[in-house]
Amino acid sequence: MQTKNNKAMNKNVGKTDKVVRIILGLAIGAAGIYFKQWWGLIGAVLLLTALINWCPLYVPFKLNTFKKS
């Protein structure tokens, strides 16, 4: 359960960021499958972060592209 003080899993991926991550994730994942390379997993990471609207790399840099409506 998340409290207001727990900022560990607050959304930090915005709408445009999410669309870019999905497009790149699909492209990199497809290329990884086509070329049978492990780096296709990077595409899976991009898709996962887009789906949950949270990027762990944004946290230490205090980045946030998510805008509350």
PDB file of N, CA and C in Angstrom:
ATOM      1  N   MET A   1       0.842  -1.175   0.000  1.00  0.00           N
ATOM      2  CA  MET A   1       0.000   0.000   0.000  1.00  0.00           C
ATOM      3  C   MET A   1       0.889   1.240   0.000  1.00  0.00           C
ATOM      4  N   GLN A   2       0.488   2.218  -0.784  1.00  0.00           N
ATOM      5  CA  GLN A   2       1.304   3.416  -0.944  1.00  0.00           C
ATOM      6  C   GLN A   2       0.705   4.574  -0.149  1.00  0.00           C
ATOM      7  N   THR A   3       1.566   5.302   0.513  1.00  0.00           N
ATOM      8  CA  THR A   3       1.124   6.478   1.243  1.00  0.00           C
ATOM      9  C   THR A   3       1.557   7.727   0.506  1.00  0.00           C
ATOM     10  N   LYS A   4       1.055   8.882   0.935  1.00  0.00           N
ATOM     11  CA  LYS A   4       1.416  10.139   0.286  1.00  0.00           C
ATOM     12  C   LYS A   4       2.896  10.448   0.438  1.00  0.00           C
ATOM     13  N   ASN A   5       3.511  10.009   1.517  1.00  0.00           N
ATOM     14  CA  ASN A   5       4.918  10.289   1.755  1.00  0.00           C
ATOM     15  C   ASN A   5       5.843   9.354   0.990  1.00  0.00           C
ATOM     16  N   ASN A   6       5.332   8.240   0.493  1.00  0.00           N
ATOM     17  CA  ASN A   6       6.149   7.284  -0.237  1.00  0.00           C
ATOM     18  C   ASN A   6       6.193   7.680  -1.706  1.00  0.00           C
ATOM     19  N   LYS A   7       7.306   8.235  -2.135  1.00  0.00           N
ATOM     20  CA  LYS A   7       7.436   8.705  -3.508  1.00  0.00           C
ATOM     21  C   LYS A   7       8.117   7.680  -4.406  1.00  0.00           C
ATOM     22  N   ALA A   8       8.365   6.481  -3.904  1.00  0.00           N
ATOM     23  CA  ALA A   8       9.117   5.478  -4.648  1.00  0.00           C
ATOM     24  C   ALA A   8       8.416   5.063  -5.943  1.00  0.00           C
ATOM     25  N   MET A   9       7.118   4.941  -5.949  1.00  0.00           N
ATOM     26  CA  MET A   9       6.416   4.464  -7.133  1.00  0.00           C
ATOM     27  C   MET A   9       5.418   5.469  -7.691  1.00  0.00           C
ATOM     28  N   ASN A  10       5.580   6.754  -7.407  1.00  0.00           N
ATOM     29  CA  ASN A  10       4.709   7.747  -8.013  1.00  0.00           C
ATOM     30  C   ASN A  10       4.964   7.788  -9.507  1.00  0.00           C
ATOM     31  N   LYS A  11       3.925   8.068 -10.279  1.00  0.00           N
ATOM     32  CA  LYS A  11       4.075   8.137 -11.730  1.00  0.00           C
ATOM     33  C   LYS A  11       5.080   9.227 -12.088  1.00  0.00           C
ATOM     34  N   ASN A  12       5.993   8.911 -13.001  1.00  0.00           N
ATOM     35  CA  ASN A  12       6.939   9.916 -13.449  1.00  0.00           C
ATOM     36  C   ASN A  12       7.151   9.880 -14.962  1.00  0.00           C
ATOM     37  N   VAL A  13       6.319   9.124 -15.680  1.00  0.00           N
ATOM     38  CA  VAL A  13       6.388   9.047 -17.134  1.00  0.00           C
ATOM     39  C   VAL A  13       5.117   9.663 -17.704  1.00  0.00           C
ATOM     40  N   GLY A  14       5.282  10.741 -18.452  1.00  0.00           N
ATOM     41  CA  GLY A  14       4.147  11.461 -19.020  1.00  0.00           C
ATOM     42  C   GLY A  14       3.631  10.841 -20.310  1.00  0.00           C
ATOM     43  N   LYS A  15       2.608  11.484 -20.880  1.00  0.00           N
ATOM     44  CA  LYS A  15       1.916  10.958 -22.051  1.00  0.00           C
ATOM     45  C   LYS A  15       2.834  10.862 -23.276  1.00  0.00           C
ATOM     46  N   THR A  16       3.546  11.941 -23.602  1.00  0.00           N
ATOM     47  CA  THR A  16       4.441  11.928 -24.756  1.00  0.00           C
ATOM     48  C   THR A  16       5.581  10.943 -24.532  1.00  0.00           C
ATOM     49  N   ASP A  17       6.140  10.962 -23.332  1.00  0.00           N
ATOM     50  CA  ASP A  17       7.209  10.034 -22.962  1.00  0.00           C
ATOM     51  C   ASP A  17       6.731   8.597 -23.118  1.00  0.00           C
ATOM     52  N   LYS A  18       5.499   8.335 -22.723  1.00  0.00           N
ATOM     53  CA  LYS A  18       4.925   6.990 -22.796  1.00  0.00           C
ATOM     54  C   LYS A  18       4.796   6.530 -24.251  1.00  0.00           C
ATOM     55  N   VAL A  19       4.311   7.413 -25.110  1.00  0.00           N
ATOM     56  CA  VAL A  19       4.147   7.062 -26.527  1.00  0.00           C
ATOM     57  C   VAL A  19       5.502   6.765 -27.162  1.00  0.00           C
ATOM     58  N   VAL A  20       6.496   7.594 -26.871  1.00  0.00           N
ATOM     59  CA  VAL A  20       7.847   7.386 -27.410  1.00  0.00           C
ATOM     60  C   VAL A  20       8.415   6.058 -26.913  1.00  0.00           C
ATOM     61  N   ARG A  21       8.221   5.766 -25.625  1.00  0.00           N
ATOM     62  CA  ARG A  21       8.712   4.501 -25.064  1.00  0.00           C
ATOM     63  C   ARG A  21       8.046   3.296 -25.717  1.00  0.00           C
ATOM     64  N   ILE A  22       6.753   3.388 -25.989  1.00  0.00           N
ATOM     65  CA  ILE A  22       6.039   2.270 -26.619  1.00  0.00           C
ATOM     66  C   ILE A  22       6.554   2.048 -28.037  1.00  0.00           C
ATOM     67  N   ILE A  23       6.695   3.129 -28.803  1.00  0.00           N
ATOM     68  CA  ILE A  23       7.169   3.005 -30.189  1.00  0.00           C
ATOM     69  C   ILE A  23       8.594   2.451 -30.217  1.00  0.00           C
ATOM     70  N   LEU A  24       9.477   3.039 -29.413  1.00  0.00           N
ATOM     71  CA  LEU A  24      10.861   2.555 -29.374  1.00  0.00           C
ATOM     72  C   LEU A  24      10.945   1.135 -28.818  1.00  0.00           C
ATOM     73  N   GLY A  25      10.144   0.851 -27.808  1.00  0.00           N
ATOM     74  CA  GLY A  25      10.143  -0.485 -27.224  1.00  0.00           C
ATOM     75  C   GLY A  25       9.742  -1.551 -28.230  1.00  0.00           C
ATOM     76  N   LEU A  26       8.702  -1.271 -29.006  1.00  0.00           N
ATOM     77  CA  LEU A  26       8.271  -2.222 -30.030  1.00  0.00           C
ATOM     78  C   LEU A  26       9.324  -2.372 -31.120  1.00  0.00           C
ATOM     79  N   ALA A  27       9.902  -1.253 -31.553  1.00  0.00           N
ATOM     80  CA  ALA A  27      10.911  -1.295 -32.617  1.00  0.00           C
ATOM     81  C   ALA A  27      12.174  -2.032 -32.159  1.00  0.00           C
ATOM     82  N   ILE A  28      12.671  -1.699 -30.979  1.00  0.00           N
ATOM     83  CA  ILE A  28      13.889  -2.347 -30.474  1.00  0.00           C
ATOM     84  C   ILE A  28      13.632  -3.819 -30.169  1.00  0.00           C
ATOM     85  N   GLY A  29      12.464  -4.104 -29.600  1.00  0.00           N
ATOM     86  CA  GLY A  29      12.112  -5.497 -29.319  1.00  0.00           C
ATOM     87  C   GLY A  29      12.005  -6.324 -30.592  1.00  0.00           C
ATOM     88  N   ALA A  30      11.363  -5.766 -31.620  1.00  0.00           N
ATOM     89  CA  ALA A  30      11.233  -6.476 -32.895  1.00  0.00           C
ATOM     90  C   ALA A  30      12.597  -6.688 -33.546  1.00  0.00           C
ATOM     91  N   ALA A  31      13.446  -5.659 -33.487  1.00  0.00           N
ATOM     92  CA  ALA A  31      14.795  -5.794 -34.054  1.00  0.00           C
ATOM     93  C   ALA A  31      15.593  -6.847 -33.291  1.00  0.00           C
ATOM     94  N   GLY A  32      15.440  -6.873 -31.981  1.00  0.00           N
ATOM     95  CA  GLY A  32      16.135  -7.872 -31.175  1.00  0.00           C
ATOM     96  C   GLY A  32      15.705  -9.285 -31.518  1.00  0.00           C
ATOM     97  N   ILE A  33      14.409  -9.456 -31.750  1.00  0.00           N
ATOM     98  CA  ILE A  33      13.893 -10.780 -32.131  1.00  0.00           C
ATOM     99  C   ILE A  33      14.370 -11.143 -33.537  1.00  0.00           C
ATOM    100  N   TYR A  34      14.295 -10.182 -34.453  1.00  0.00           N
ATOM    101  CA  TYR A  34      14.693 -10.429 -35.836  1.00  0.00           C
ATOM    102  C   TYR A  34      16.167 -10.818 -35.932  1.00  0.00           C
ATOM    103  N   PHE A  35      17.020 -10.073 -35.232  1.00  0.00           N
ATOM    104  CA  PHE A  35      18.455 -10.335 -35.287  1.00  0.00           C
ATOM    105  C   PHE A  35      18.922 -11.352 -34.237  1.00  0.00           C
ATOM    106  N   LYS A  36      17.966 -11.850 -33.438  1.00  0.00           N
ATOM    107  CA  LYS A  36      18.249 -12.830 -32.382  1.00  0.00           C
ATOM    108  C   LYS A  36      19.349 -12.331 -31.452  1.00  0.00           C
ATOM    109  N   GLN A  37      19.153 -11.118 -30.947  1.00  0.00           N
ATOM    110  CA  GLN A  37      20.119 -10.481 -30.058  1.00  0.00           C
ATOM    111  C   GLN A  37      19.469 -10.222 -28.706  1.00  0.00           C
ATOM    112  N   TRP A  38      20.278 -10.223 -27.654  1.00  0.00           N
ATOM    113  CA  TRP A  38      19.788  -9.990 -26.293  1.00  0.00           C
ATOM    114  C   TRP A  38      19.314  -8.573 -26.083  1.00  0.00           C
ATOM    115  N   TRP A  39      19.807  -7.615 -26.850  1.00  0.00           N
ATOM    116  CA  TRP A  39      19.438  -6.221 -26.616  1.00  0.00           C
ATOM    117  C   TRP A  39      17.974  -5.942 -26.937  1.00  0.00           C
ATOM    118  N   GLY A  40      17.286  -6.905 -27.488  1.00  0.00           N
ATOM    119  CA  GLY A  40      15.842  -6.777 -27.650  1.00  0.00           C
ATOM    120  C   GLY A  40      15.140  -6.660 -26.307  1.00  0.00           C
ATOM    121  N   LEU A  41      15.819  -7.098 -25.241  1.00  0.00           N
ATOM    122  CA  LEU A  41      15.259  -6.950 -23.885  1.00  0.00           C
ATOM    123  C   LEU A  41      15.113  -5.485 -23.485  1.00  0.00           C
ATOM    124  N   ILE A  42      15.935  -4.625 -24.051  1.00  0.00           N
ATOM    125  CA  ILE A  42      15.808  -3.193 -23.778  1.00  0.00           C
ATOM    126  C   ILE A  42      14.424  -2.717 -24.211  1.00  0.00           C
ATOM    127  N   GLY A  43      13.934  -3.261 -25.308  1.00  0.00           N
ATOM    128  CA  GLY A  43      12.588  -2.928 -25.769  1.00  0.00           C
ATOM    129  C   GLY A  43      11.539  -3.337 -24.757  1.00  0.00           C
ATOM    130  N   ALA A  44      11.740  -4.485 -24.110  1.00  0.00           N
ATOM    131  CA  ALA A  44      10.805  -4.948 -23.080  1.00  0.00           C
ATOM    132  C   ALA A  44      10.820  -4.022 -21.874  1.00  0.00           C
ATOM    133  N   VAL A  45      11.991  -3.524 -21.515  1.00  0.00           N
ATOM    134  CA  VAL A  45      12.096  -2.588 -20.387  1.00  0.00           C
ATOM    135  C   VAL A  45      11.360  -1.295 -20.717  1.00  0.00           C
ATOM    136  N   LEU A  46      11.542  -0.797 -21.932  1.00  0.00           N
ATOM    137  CA  LEU A  46      10.834   0.426 -22.337  1.00  0.00           C
ATOM    138  C   LEU A  46       9.322   0.228 -22.304  1.00  0.00           C
ATOM    139  N   LEU A  47       8.859  -0.917 -22.786  1.00  0.00           N
ATOM    140  CA  LEU A  47       7.422  -1.202 -22.761  1.00  0.00           C
ATOM    141  C   LEU A  47       6.901  -1.299 -21.328  1.00  0.00           C
ATOM    142  N   LEU A  48       7.650  -1.954 -20.471  1.00  0.00           N
ATOM    143  CA  LEU A  48       7.230  -2.099 -19.078  1.00  0.00           C
ATOM    144  C   LEU A  48       7.125  -0.736 -18.393  1.00  0.00           C
ATOM    145  N   THR A  49       8.142   0.104 -18.569  1.00  0.00           N
ATOM    146  CA  THR A  49       8.105   1.420 -17.922  1.00  0.00           C
ATOM    147  C   THR A  49       6.980   2.280 -18.494  1.00  0.00           C
ATOM    148  N   ALA A  50       6.658   2.098 -19.767  1.00  0.00           N
ATOM    149  CA  ALA A  50       5.537   2.837 -20.355  1.00  0.00           C
ATOM    150  C   ALA A  50       4.209   2.362 -19.772  1.00  0.00           C
ATOM    151  N   LEU A  51       4.076   1.065 -19.582  1.00  0.00           N
ATOM    152  CA  LEU A  51       2.820   0.520 -19.078  1.00  0.00           C
ATOM    153  C   LEU A  51       2.561   0.874 -17.617  1.00  0.00           C
ATOM    154  N   ILE A  52       3.613   0.951 -16.807  1.00  0.00           N
ATOM    155  CA  ILE A  52       3.395   1.269 -15.393  1.00  0.00           C
ATOM    156  C   ILE A  52       3.594   2.752 -15.089  1.00  0.00           C
ATOM    157  N   ASN A  53       3.950   3.541 -16.120  1.00  0.00           N
ATOM    158  CA  ASN A  53       4.135   4.998 -15.974  1.00  0.00           C
ATOM    159  C   ASN A  53       5.189   5.363 -14.928  1.00  0.00           C
ATOM    160  N   TRP A  54       6.200   4.530 -14.797  1.00  0.00           N
ATOM    161  CA  TRP A  54       7.244   4.797 -13.799  1.00  0.00           C
ATOM    162  C   TRP A  54       8.578   4.307 -14.322  1.00  0.00           C
ATOM    163  N   CYS A  55       9.580   5.168 -14.272  1.00  0.00           N
ATOM    164  CA  CYS A  55      10.922   4.813 -14.707  1.00  0.00           C
ATOM    165  C   CYS A  55      11.878   4.940 -13.524  1.00  0.00           C
ATOM    166  N   PRO A  56      12.533   3.852 -13.132  1.00  0.00           N
ATOM    167  CA  PRO A  56      13.434   3.913 -11.983  1.00  0.00           C
ATOM    168  C   PRO A  56      14.652   4.814 -12.220  1.00  0.00           C
ATOM    169  N   LEU A  57      15.055   4.995 -13.470  1.00  0.00           N
ATOM    170  CA  LEU A  57      16.198   5.873 -13.753  1.00  0.00           C
ATOM    171  C   LEU A  57      15.865   7.348 -13.554  1.00  0.00           C
ATOM    172  N   TYR A  58      14.591   7.695 -13.580  1.00  0.00           N
ATOM    173  CA  TYR A  58      14.189   9.093 -13.357  1.00  0.00           C
ATOM    174  C   TYR A  58      14.313   9.486 -11.882  1.00  0.00           C
ATOM    175  N   VAL A  59      14.191   8.523 -10.977  1.00  0.00           N
ATOM    176  CA  VAL A  59      14.150   8.810  -9.540  1.00  0.00           C
ATOM    177  C   VAL A  59      15.425   9.487  -9.024  1.00  0.00           C
ATOM    178  N   PRO A  60      16.630   8.946  -9.240  1.00  0.00           N
ATOM    179  CA  PRO A  60      17.823   9.593  -8.683  1.00  0.00           C
ATOM    180  C   PRO A  60      18.100  10.964  -9.297  1.00  0.00           C
ATOM    181  N   PHE A  61      17.609  11.193 -10.517  1.00  0.00           N
ATOM    182  CA  PHE A  61      17.831  12.481 -11.175  1.00  0.00           C
ATOM    183  C   PHE A  61      16.677  13.450 -10.960  1.00  0.00           C
ATOM    184  N   LYS A  62      15.663  12.995 -10.197  1.00  0.00           N
ATOM    185  CA  LYS A  62      14.477  13.797  -9.891  1.00  0.00           C
ATOM    186  C   LYS A  62      13.780  14.305 -11.168  1.00  0.00           C
ATOM    187  N   LEU A  63      13.726  13.454 -12.173  1.00  0.00           N
ATOM    188  CA  LEU A  63      13.033  13.780 -13.412  1.00  0.00           C
ATOM    189  C   LEU A  63      11.577  13.340 -13.313  1.00  0.00           C
ATOM    190  N   ASN A  64      10.701  14.080 -13.963  1.00  0.00           N
ATOM    191  CA  ASN A  64       9.287  13.755 -13.954  1.00  0.00           C
ATOM    192  C   ASN A  64       8.637  14.395 -15.170  1.00  0.00           C
ATOM    193  N   THR A  65       8.139  13.580 -16.106  1.00  0.00           N
ATOM    194  CA  THR A  65       7.429  14.115 -17.267  1.00  0.00           C
ATOM    195  C   THR A  65       5.920  13.953 -17.129  1.00  0.00           C
ATOM    196  N   PHE A  66       5.471  13.392 -16.025  1.00  0.00           N
ATOM    197  CA  PHE A  66       4.055  13.170 -15.769  1.00  0.00           C
ATOM    198  C   PHE A  66       3.403  14.451 -15.245  1.00  0.00           C
ATOM    199  N   LYS A  67       2.325  14.830 -15.912  1.00  0.00           N
ATOM    200  CA  LYS A  67       1.596  16.022 -15.481  1.00  0.00           C
ATOM    201  C   LYS A  67       0.210  15.597 -15.005  1.00  0.00           C
ATOM    202  N   LYS A  68      -0.119  15.946 -13.779  1.00  0.00           N
ATOM    203  CA  LYS A  68      -1.443  15.636 -13.257  1.00  0.00           C
ATOM    204  C   LYS A  68      -2.475  16.532 -13.921  1.00  0.00           C
ATOM    205  N   SER A  69      -3.611  15.946 -14.258  1.00  0.00           N
ATOM    206  CA  SER A  69      -4.656  16.750 -14.918  1.00  0.00           C
ATOM    207  C   SER A  69      -5.642  17.316 -13.938  1.00  0.00           C
TER     208      SER A  69
END
